[in-house]
Amino acid sequence: MASNRHLGRIVAMQTLYEYDFRGGEAAGLELSPILQRNLDEFRDNIEDTQFVEDVVEGVHTHQDQIDAIISPAAPEWPVDQIAKIDKIILRIGVYELMIKREVPPKVAINEAVELAKTFGGENSSKFINGVLGTIYRNSDYYESEEESPAKPAEQG
């Protein structure tokens, strides 16, 4: 199932990248036909197409919110100046890490790093890891590894 989700993230990334690369909404493109074409191409290998659709629609719908989360975590790199593929990978990572929140934070970050290693530039994986790690550590969801969630509450 994990590899199936990994392939699903690749298809989501490919869909969002093509949409962005071709000019997106400003060029009059619709996201749905791109998504359907990509899903049709990989349908035999992806059992959970709903996951792919959710990631694509979620990233697209929450893009402004996601970009606002990325900006303070990468102050030297305005979102519009981040390489397109890195930007798409970051958006997927932030969506899974901060909005959807169905996988553990380490999984969301690791999946984004793996996408960056495969599809990004030489330093993409380090950049993605650093930005997503900063976002997570600065979030309300952060749990330090030193803190034990099973720690009993103090009785007064």
Protein backbone atom coordinates (compact mmCIF):
# COMPACT_ATOMS: atom_id res chain seq x y z
CA MET A 1 0.00 0.00 0.00
CA ALA A 2 2.84 2.40 0.83
CA SER A 3 4.38 2.07 -2.62
CA ASN A 4 0.92 2.54 -4.08
CA ARG A 5 0.60 5.84 -2.17
CA HIS A 6 4.10 6.81 -3.30
CA LEU A 7 3.07 6.30 -6.92
CA GLY A 8 -0.10 8.24 -6.16
CA ARG A 9 2.00 11.17 -4.93
CA ILE A 10 4.07 10.99 -8.11
CA VAL A 11 0.91 11.17 -10.23
CA ALA A 12 -0.40 14.06 -8.11
CA MET A 13 2.95 15.86 -8.47
CA GLN A 14 2.99 15.26 -12.22
CA THR A 15 -0.56 16.60 -12.56
CA LEU A 16 0.08 19.73 -10.48
CA TYR A 17 3.41 20.34 -12.21
CA GLU A 18 1.87 20.14 -15.69
CA TYR A 19 -0.96 22.44 -14.67
CA ASP A 20 1.49 24.99 -13.23
CA PHE A 21 4.01 24.65 -16.09
CA ARG A 22 1.34 25.20 -18.74
CA GLY A 23 0.08 28.37 -17.03
CA GLY A 24 -2.78 27.02 -14.92
CA GLU A 25 -5.88 29.09 -14.45
CA ALA A 26 -4.27 32.15 -16.06
CA ALA A 27 -3.94 30.14 -19.30
CA GLY A 28 -7.55 28.99 -19.08
CA LEU A 29 -6.59 25.42 -18.18
CA GLU A 30 -8.76 23.10 -16.17
CA LEU A 31 -7.08 20.76 -13.72
CA SER A 32 -9.57 17.90 -14.03
CA PRO A 33 -8.70 16.76 -17.58
CA ILE A 34 -4.98 16.68 -16.74
CA LEU A 35 -5.70 14.64 -13.60
CA GLN A 36 -7.97 12.20 -15.44
CA ARG A 37 -5.41 11.65 -18.23
CA ASN A 38 -2.68 10.94 -15.68
CA LEU A 39 -4.93 8.64 -13.64
CA ASP A 40 -5.94 6.76 -16.79
CA GLU A 41 -2.28 6.22 -17.63
CA PHE A 42 -1.48 4.72 -14.20
CA ARG A 43 -4.89 3.25 -13.27
CA ASP A 44 -3.62 -0.36 -13.40
CA ASN A 45 -0.99 0.43 -10.75
CA ILE A 46 -2.93 2.72 -8.42
CA GLU A 47 -5.65 1.15 -6.33
CA ASP A 48 -6.57 4.30 -4.41
CA THR A 49 -7.30 6.91 -7.09
CA GLN A 50 -9.34 8.84 -4.51
CA PHE A 51 -6.09 9.56 -2.64
CA VAL A 52 -4.55 11.09 -5.77
CA GLU A 53 -7.66 13.13 -6.49
CA ASP A 54 -7.73 14.37 -2.89
CA VAL A 55 -4.08 15.46 -2.94
CA VAL A 56 -4.46 17.26 -6.28
CA GLU A 57 -7.72 18.98 -5.36
CA GLY A 58 -6.51 19.73 -1.82
CA VAL A 59 -3.27 21.33 -2.97
CA HIS A 60 -5.09 23.27 -5.68
CA THR A 61 -7.89 24.47 -3.38
CA HIS A 62 -5.55 25.42 -0.52
CA GLN A 63 -2.69 26.77 -2.64
CA ASP A 64 -2.77 30.32 -1.22
CA GLN A 65 -2.91 29.00 2.34
CA ILE A 66 -0.09 26.54 1.61
CA ASP A 67 2.09 29.23 0.00
CA ALA A 68 1.51 31.44 3.06
CA ILE A 69 2.81 28.59 5.24
CA ILE A 70 5.87 28.07 3.01
CA SER A 71 6.90 31.75 2.79
CA PRO A 72 8.10 32.31 6.38
CA ALA A 73 9.87 28.93 6.40
CA ALA A 74 11.93 29.83 3.31
CA PRO A 75 12.42 33.61 3.61
CA GLU A 76 15.36 33.70 1.18
CA TRP A 77 13.20 32.03 -1.48
CA PRO A 78 9.92 33.73 -2.37
CA VAL A 79 7.47 31.03 -3.44
CA ASP A 80 7.32 32.34 -7.01
CA GLN A 81 11.13 32.00 -7.26
CA ILE A 82 11.31 28.38 -6.05
CA ALA A 83 11.93 25.90 -8.87
CA LYS A 84 8.55 24.69 -10.16
CA ILE A 85 9.09 21.05 -9.25
CA ASP A 86 10.33 21.93 -5.76
CA LYS A 87 7.36 24.25 -5.27
CA ILE A 88 4.91 21.50 -6.23
CA ILE A 89 6.64 18.98 -3.93
CA LEU A 90 6.59 21.49 -1.07
CA ARG A 91 2.90 22.18 -1.63
CA ILE A 92 2.09 18.47 -1.51
CA GLY A 93 4.21 18.07 1.63
CA VAL A 94 2.58 21.03 3.37
CA TYR A 95 -0.88 19.81 2.38
CA GLU A 96 -0.22 16.38 3.89
CA LEU A 97 1.64 17.75 6.90
CA MET A 98 -0.56 20.69 7.92
CA ILE A 99 -3.96 20.38 6.25
CA LYS A 100 -4.89 16.76 5.52
CA ARG A 101 -2.93 15.30 8.46
CA GLU A 102 -3.75 11.64 7.78
CA VAL A 103 -0.17 10.36 7.81
CA PRO A 104 2.43 10.86 10.54
CA PRO A 105 4.50 14.04 10.05
CA LYS A 106 7.69 12.02 9.46
CA VAL A 107 5.96 10.15 6.64
CA ALA A 108 4.73 13.35 4.96
CA ILE A 109 8.20 14.89 5.15
CA ASN A 110 9.99 11.72 4.05
CA GLU A 111 7.68 11.24 1.06
CA ALA A 112 8.32 14.82 -0.07
CA VAL A 113 12.08 14.34 0.35
CA GLU A 114 11.95 11.14 -1.72
CA LEU A 115 10.05 12.95 -4.49
CA ALA A 116 12.69 15.70 -4.41
CA LYS A 117 15.53 13.16 -4.63
CA THR A 118 13.93 11.58 -7.68
CA PHE A 119 12.55 14.61 -9.53
CA GLY A 120 14.28 17.69 -8.13
CA GLY A 121 17.70 19.20 -8.54
CA GLU A 122 20.91 18.35 -6.74
CA ASN A 123 19.99 20.18 -3.51
CA SER A 124 16.22 19.87 -3.72
CA SER A 125 15.88 17.13 -1.11
CA LYS A 126 17.86 19.12 1.48
CA PHE A 127 15.83 22.25 0.72
CA ILE A 128 12.50 20.38 0.95
CA ASN A 129 13.56 18.64 4.17
CA GLY A 130 14.67 21.92 5.75
CA VAL A 131 11.53 23.85 4.81
CA LEU A 132 9.08 21.11 5.83
CA GLY A 133 11.02 20.44 9.05
CA THR A 134 10.85 24.14 9.94
CA ILE A 135 7.14 24.29 9.17
CA TYR A 136 6.46 21.25 11.33
CA ARG A 137 8.62 22.40 14.26
CA ASN A 138 6.88 25.79 14.23
CA SER A 139 3.40 24.28 14.04
CA ASP A 140 0.87 23.61 16.77
CA TYR A 141 1.10 19.92 15.81
CA TYR A 142 4.79 19.55 16.65
CA GLU A 143 5.69 16.91 19.21
CA SER A 144 9.31 16.76 20.24
CA GLU A 145 10.82 13.28 20.18
CA GLU A 146 11.91 13.84 23.78
CA GLU A 147 8.31 14.36 24.90
CA SER A 148 6.54 11.11 25.57
CA PRO A 149 2.90 11.17 24.50
CA ALA A 150 2.27 8.34 26.99
CA LYS A 151 3.52 10.45 29.91
CA PRO A 152 0.91 10.32 32.69
CA ALA A 153 -0.64 13.61 33.75
CA GLU A 154 0.51 14.95 37.05
CA GLN A 155 -2.03 14.53 39.80
CA GLY A 156 -2.47 17.52 42.09
